[in-house]
N, C-alpha and C. Protein backbone atom coordinates (compact mmCIF):
# COMPACT_ATOMS: atom_id res chain seq x y z
N MET A 1 -10.55 -23.84 -32.77
CA MET A 1 -10.21 -24.73 -33.67
C MET A 1 -11.27 -25.81 -34.51
N ALA A 2 -12.11 -26.26 -33.31
CA ALA A 2 -13.33 -27.12 -33.33
C ALA A 2 -14.02 -26.54 -34.18
N HIS A 3 -14.35 -25.23 -34.33
CA HIS A 3 -15.47 -24.55 -35.28
C HIS A 3 -14.85 -24.93 -36.75
N GLN A 4 -13.30 -24.54 -36.73
CA GLN A 4 -12.67 -24.69 -38.18
C GLN A 4 -12.94 -26.58 -38.83
N ILE A 5 -12.81 -27.31 -37.91
CA ILE A 5 -12.59 -28.81 -37.77
C ILE A 5 -14.07 -28.73 -38.81
N THR A 6 -15.06 -28.51 -37.66
CA THR A 6 -16.56 -28.50 -38.07
C THR A 6 -16.89 -28.18 -39.55
N LYS A 7 -16.35 -26.76 -40.11
CA LYS A 7 -16.23 -26.25 -41.14
C LYS A 7 -15.75 -26.90 -42.55
N GLY A 8 -14.45 -27.75 -42.23
CA GLY A 8 -13.81 -28.27 -43.11
C GLY A 8 -14.40 -29.36 -43.57
N LYS A 9 -15.40 -29.99 -42.32
CA LYS A 9 -15.91 -31.12 -42.86
C LYS A 9 -17.00 -30.87 -43.75
N ARG A 10 -17.59 -29.75 -43.55
CA ARG A 10 -18.93 -29.67 -43.94
C ARG A 10 -18.68 -29.22 -45.51
N ILE A 11 -17.10 -28.71 -45.93
CA ILE A 11 -16.76 -28.00 -47.13
C ILE A 11 -16.49 -29.42 -47.70
N LEU A 12 -15.91 -30.59 -46.92
CA LEU A 12 -15.76 -31.81 -47.83
C LEU A 12 -16.62 -32.67 -48.18
N ASP A 13 -17.69 -32.63 -47.42
CA ASP A 13 -19.02 -33.47 -47.75
C ASP A 13 -19.45 -32.35 -49.03
N THR A 14 -19.80 -31.38 -49.02
CA THR A 14 -20.48 -30.30 -50.09
C THR A 14 -19.68 -30.71 -51.63
N LEU A 15 -18.35 -30.76 -51.11
CA LEU A 15 -17.61 -31.14 -52.52
C LEU A 15 -17.45 -32.76 -52.98
N LYS A 16 -17.62 -33.67 -52.16
CA LYS A 16 -17.98 -34.74 -52.52
C LYS A 16 -19.20 -35.07 -53.40
N SER A 17 -20.55 -33.74 -53.05
CA SER A 17 -21.76 -34.16 -53.67
C SER A 17 -21.59 -33.15 -55.33
N LEU A 18 -20.78 -32.85 -55.87
CA LEU A 18 -20.62 -31.67 -56.64
C LEU A 18 -20.03 -32.57 -57.77
N PRO A 19 -20.63 -32.17 -58.76
CA PRO A 19 -19.89 -32.69 -60.08
C PRO A 19 -18.79 -32.13 -60.71
N VAL A 20 -18.16 -32.90 -61.45
CA VAL A 20 -16.92 -32.70 -62.08
C VAL A 20 -16.47 -30.97 -62.56
N LYS A 21 -17.73 -30.50 -63.26
CA LYS A 21 -17.32 -29.39 -63.66
C LYS A 21 -17.41 -28.35 -62.44
N LYS A 22 -18.63 -28.42 -61.66
CA LYS A 22 -18.80 -27.54 -60.58
C LYS A 22 -17.27 -27.26 -59.59
N LEU A 23 -16.71 -28.94 -59.35
CA LEU A 23 -15.43 -28.87 -58.80
C LEU A 23 -14.01 -27.99 -59.32
N GLU A 24 -14.31 -27.66 -60.40
CA GLU A 24 -13.02 -26.98 -61.40
C GLU A 24 -13.50 -25.65 -61.13
N GLU A 25 -14.79 -25.06 -61.11
CA GLU A 25 -15.11 -23.96 -60.62
C GLU A 25 -14.65 -23.43 -59.44
N VAL A 26 -15.07 -24.17 -58.31
CA VAL A 26 -14.77 -24.15 -57.04
C VAL A 26 -13.53 -24.29 -56.56
N LEU A 27 -12.68 -25.24 -57.37
CA LEU A 27 -11.03 -24.65 -57.39
C LEU A 27 -10.31 -23.28 -58.14
N ASP A 28 -10.93 -22.84 -59.32
CA ASP A 28 -10.75 -21.69 -59.51
C ASP A 28 -11.29 -20.97 -58.65
N PHE A 29 -12.38 -20.62 -58.20
CA PHE A 29 -12.37 -19.62 -57.21
C PHE A 29 -11.38 -19.73 -56.05
N ALA A 30 -10.97 -21.06 -55.24
CA ALA A 30 -10.14 -20.98 -54.18
C ALA A 30 -9.03 -20.00 -54.91
N GLU A 31 -8.47 -20.62 -56.03
CA GLU A 31 -7.18 -19.73 -56.31
C GLU A 31 -7.00 -18.66 -56.66
N TYR A 32 -8.37 -17.97 -56.96
CA TYR A 32 -8.74 -16.86 -56.78
C TYR A 32 -8.51 -15.65 -55.59
N LEU A 33 -9.01 -16.70 -54.48
CA LEU A 33 -9.26 -16.09 -52.73
C LEU A 33 -7.65 -16.22 -52.44
N LYS A 34 -7.12 -17.19 -53.03
CA LYS A 34 -5.77 -17.60 -52.45
C LYS A 34 -4.88 -15.98 -53.23
N SER A 35 -4.96 -15.98 -54.28
CA SER A 35 -3.97 -15.20 -54.90
C SER A 35 -4.47 -13.62 -54.62
N LYS A 36 -5.48 -13.64 -54.21
CA LYS A 36 -6.27 -12.24 -53.90
C LYS A 36 -5.61 -11.50 -52.46
N ASP A 37 -4.99 -12.62 -51.70
CA ASP A 37 -4.49 -12.26 -50.22
C ASP A 37 -2.95 -11.76 -50.63
N ARG A 38 -2.35 -12.23 -51.91
CA ARG A 38 -1.00 -11.83 -52.32
C ARG A 38 -0.65 -10.59 -53.17
N LEU A 39 -1.78 -9.76 -52.83
CA LEU A 39 -1.21 -8.30 -53.93
C LEU A 39 -0.26 -7.76 -52.93
N PRO A 40 0.70 -7.07 -53.52
CA PRO A 40 1.38 -6.10 -53.37
C PRO A 40 1.07 -4.90 -52.32
N ILE A 41 1.84 -4.61 -51.13
CA ILE A 41 1.40 -3.39 -50.49
C ILE A 41 0.75 -2.29 -51.25
N ASN A 42 1.43 -2.04 -52.01
CA ASN A 42 1.04 -0.95 -52.71
C ASN A 42 0.00 -0.93 -53.54
N LEU A 43 -0.51 -1.89 -54.10
CA LEU A 43 -1.74 -2.12 -54.85
C LEU A 43 -2.95 -1.98 -53.87
N GLN A 44 -2.53 -2.91 -52.44
CA GLN A 44 -3.87 -3.06 -51.64
C GLN A 44 -4.07 -1.31 -51.23
N LYS A 45 -3.19 -0.74 -50.64
CA LYS A 45 -3.73 0.54 -50.35
C LYS A 45 -3.65 1.82 -51.31
N THR A 46 -4.60 2.16 -52.17
CA THR A 46 -4.57 3.14 -53.00
C THR A 46 -4.49 4.70 -53.02
N LYS A 47 -3.51 5.60 -53.27
CA LYS A 47 -3.24 6.48 -52.82
C LYS A 47 -4.53 7.83 -53.43
N ARG A 48 -4.95 8.57 -53.16
CA ARG A 48 -5.76 9.74 -53.92
C ARG A 48 -5.29 10.69 -54.11
N ILE A 49 -5.65 10.96 -55.12
CA ILE A 49 -4.84 12.03 -55.97
C ILE A 49 -5.98 13.25 -56.56
N LYS A 50 -5.82 14.48 -55.88
CA LYS A 50 -6.35 15.70 -56.05
C LYS A 50 -6.08 16.27 -57.49
N LEU A 51 -6.94 16.15 -57.78
CA LEU A 51 -7.37 16.96 -58.90
C LEU A 51 -7.76 18.63 -59.12
N PRO A 52 -7.17 19.55 -60.28
CA PRO A 52 -7.93 20.67 -59.51
C PRO A 52 -9.05 20.78 -60.52
N VAL A 53 -10.04 21.16 -59.68
CA VAL A 53 -11.33 21.17 -60.15
C VAL A 53 -12.10 22.88 -60.23
N PHE A 54 -11.30 23.94 -60.12
CA PHE A 54 -11.61 25.22 -60.49
C PHE A 54 -12.40 25.42 -61.57
N HIS A 55 -12.22 24.93 -62.39
CA HIS A 55 -13.06 25.47 -63.97
C HIS A 55 -13.93 24.92 -64.13
N ILE A 56 -14.60 23.87 -63.07
CA ILE A 56 -15.73 23.50 -63.50
C ILE A 56 -16.74 24.43 -63.12
N GLY A 57 -17.82 24.46 -63.81
CA GLY A 57 -18.97 25.08 -63.77
C GLY A 57 -18.62 26.70 -64.78
N ARG A 58 -17.24 26.95 -65.02
CA ARG A 58 -17.34 27.95 -65.86
C ARG A 58 -16.85 28.12 -67.27
N ILE A 59 -17.29 27.02 -67.92
CA ILE A 59 -17.33 26.97 -69.62
C ILE A 59 -18.63 27.54 -69.79
N ALA A 60 -18.58 28.55 -70.34
CA ALA A 60 -19.72 29.13 -71.12
C ALA A 60 -20.10 28.16 -71.99
N LYS A 61 -21.87 27.82 -72.25
CA LYS A 61 -22.39 27.39 -73.05
C LYS A 61 -22.07 27.44 -74.72
N GLU A 62 -21.94 28.34 -75.23
CA GLU A 62 -21.13 28.69 -76.42
C GLU A 62 -20.01 27.94 -76.90
N ASN A 63 -18.77 27.90 -75.95
CA ASN A 63 -17.67 27.12 -76.07
C ASN A 63 -18.19 25.44 -76.47
N LEU A 64 -18.91 25.22 -75.93
CA LEU A 64 -19.40 23.55 -76.34
C LEU A 64 -20.34 23.00 -77.32
N ASP A 65 -20.64 24.19 -77.99
CA ASP A 65 -21.56 24.63 -79.36
C ASP A 65 -20.55 23.64 -80.53
N ARG A 66 -21.27 22.27 -81.54
CA ARG A 66 -20.58 21.70 -82.40
C ARG A 66 -20.08 23.02 -83.30
N SER A 67 -20.54 23.73 -83.47
CA SER A 67 -19.68 24.36 -84.96
C SER A 67 -18.47 25.14 -84.39
N ASN A 68 -18.32 25.85 -82.59
CA ASN A 68 -17.11 25.87 -82.31
C ASN A 68 -16.33 24.96 -81.82
N LEU A 69 -16.91 23.77 -81.26
CA LEU A 69 -15.67 23.24 -81.24
C LEU A 69 -14.82 22.42 -82.34
N TYR A 70 -15.93 22.07 -83.42
CA TYR A 70 -15.33 21.89 -84.87
C TYR A 70 -15.36 22.38 -86.16
N GLY A 71 -15.83 23.34 -86.14
CA GLY A 71 -15.96 24.53 -87.04
C GLY A 71 -16.70 23.53 -88.19
N GLU A 72 -16.16 24.02 -89.59
CA GLU A 72 -16.76 23.18 -90.56
C GLU A 72 -16.06 21.99 -91.26
N TYR A 73 -15.52 21.10 -90.23
CA TYR A 73 -14.69 19.87 -90.46
C TYR A 73 -15.90 18.87 -90.27
N ILE A 74 -16.70 18.87 -89.31
CA ILE A 74 -17.55 17.90 -89.46
C ILE A 74 -18.75 18.09 -90.50
N ASP A 75 -18.87 19.44 -90.96
CA ASP A 75 -20.01 19.45 -92.01
C ASP A 75 -19.34 18.85 -93.26
N SER A 76 -18.46 19.06 -93.55
CA SER A 76 -17.46 18.65 -94.58
C SER A 76 -16.84 17.14 -94.95
N LYS A 77 -17.45 16.53 -93.59
CA LYS A 77 -16.92 15.15 -93.58
C LYS A 77 -18.65 14.55 -93.96
N LEU A 78 -19.66 15.40 -93.30
CA LEU A 78 -20.82 14.55 -93.51
C LEU A 78 -21.45 14.87 -94.49
N GLY A 79 -21.20 15.93 -95.42
CA GLY A 79 -22.10 16.58 -96.28
C GLY A 79 -21.23 16.14 -97.36
């Protein structure tokens, strides 16, 4: 408890020496820290989703070629 009081005094002494603009920033940060503890339980723990990746590495290079993907659409827009 004494350690907490000592830290509190250090914080107050530091705050007294800050200009008003910096005090506003400290207040914003303190409010952020306070709200951070109030997150709903379902947001604090995220569930991992398993995505199927069996197809990765099986895409043929010619399937990613511009002409195969877009055909003549891009050429008609650019030309």
